[in-house]
Amino acid sequence: MFIQIKNVYFQYSKGNPVIKGIDLEIERGEFVAIIGKNGCGKSTLSKLLNGLLIPTSGHILIDGLNTASPSNLLAIRKKASIVFQNPITQFVRTTVEEDIAFGPENLNVPTDEISQLVNNSLEFTSMSEFRYREPKTLSGGQMQRTAIAGVMAMEPECIIFDEVTSMLDQKGKCEIFAYINKLKKIGKTIIYVTHRIEEVLDADRFVHLDNGIIDFIGTPTDFFKLDDLDQMGIEVPEIVQLYSMLYNEGIIKQSLEITDISRLEENLCQLLSEM
């Protein structure tokens, strides 16, 4: 198993535990969405997975490496890298090209290899034409693409996206989703943290956090069969809410795939017209 979370608790220096005894396993190449309302512990969990935070108790293993061991952290951050909500917090250099090179440099990658990694990452994210620009002068979507390119240059097996579209307009969101789909196709493990369900309908699994506790692990289709979605504090598309209500009340008995909203709408209309 690529990622193992074993009875993990975490609390900051003051206050109650934010993460409360969670267990989770994630396979290599899987796309897992960690969902839940604001303040439920999602971002804390993402930092625990990257070794930025260390469990108060319990263990997190990334490809067998315990995040609690300082000697493992460099290898862990090469295996599992994180893209934050605000990309500006990740920029440390004066040009896009230099910023993307920063990660491999810190991993002691040979100079000639760094140049190729930077070029590959720029090409992958369609940012080659901006390589000499200052990151902070870019649009929101371009900044996030630069942040993704910086992570890609470290060649991680897993990329953790922590609420990465919350500051973007619709065009910027579409750009990010396109690159996440490209990452899935090349076999990267994707962990996507969000409270916006419509962003992750094609995930392999949903992991729902509530007040630091995992109360659901399963497919998106199974998640939308739950009868208390309106109490979870997350944004659910109206068509999915309608389908969930009709299914739970027994009006519609057929289980429909919800990974494609337009297809769900067509299938739902077809079933209703046949009744």
Foldseek 3Di string as FASTA:
>chain_A
DQKWWAQFWADDPDDDILAGGETDDDDFLAAEEEAFAPSLCLVVVLCCQLLVDPTPDTFMAGRRRTSVDPVCNLVSCLAEPEQEQQLVVQADDFFLLVSLLVSVVVNVDDPVLSVVLSVVLCVLLVNVVRGGHGLVVDDLLSSSSSSVSSSVSSVYLEYEYANNCVPDDPVSLVSVLVSVVVCSVVRRYYYYYDLEVLSCLPGQWYFYGGSNYTPDIGHSLVVLLDPPPVVRNGDDDPLSVVVNVCCNVPVDVDRDRPSDPVVSVVVVVVVVVVD
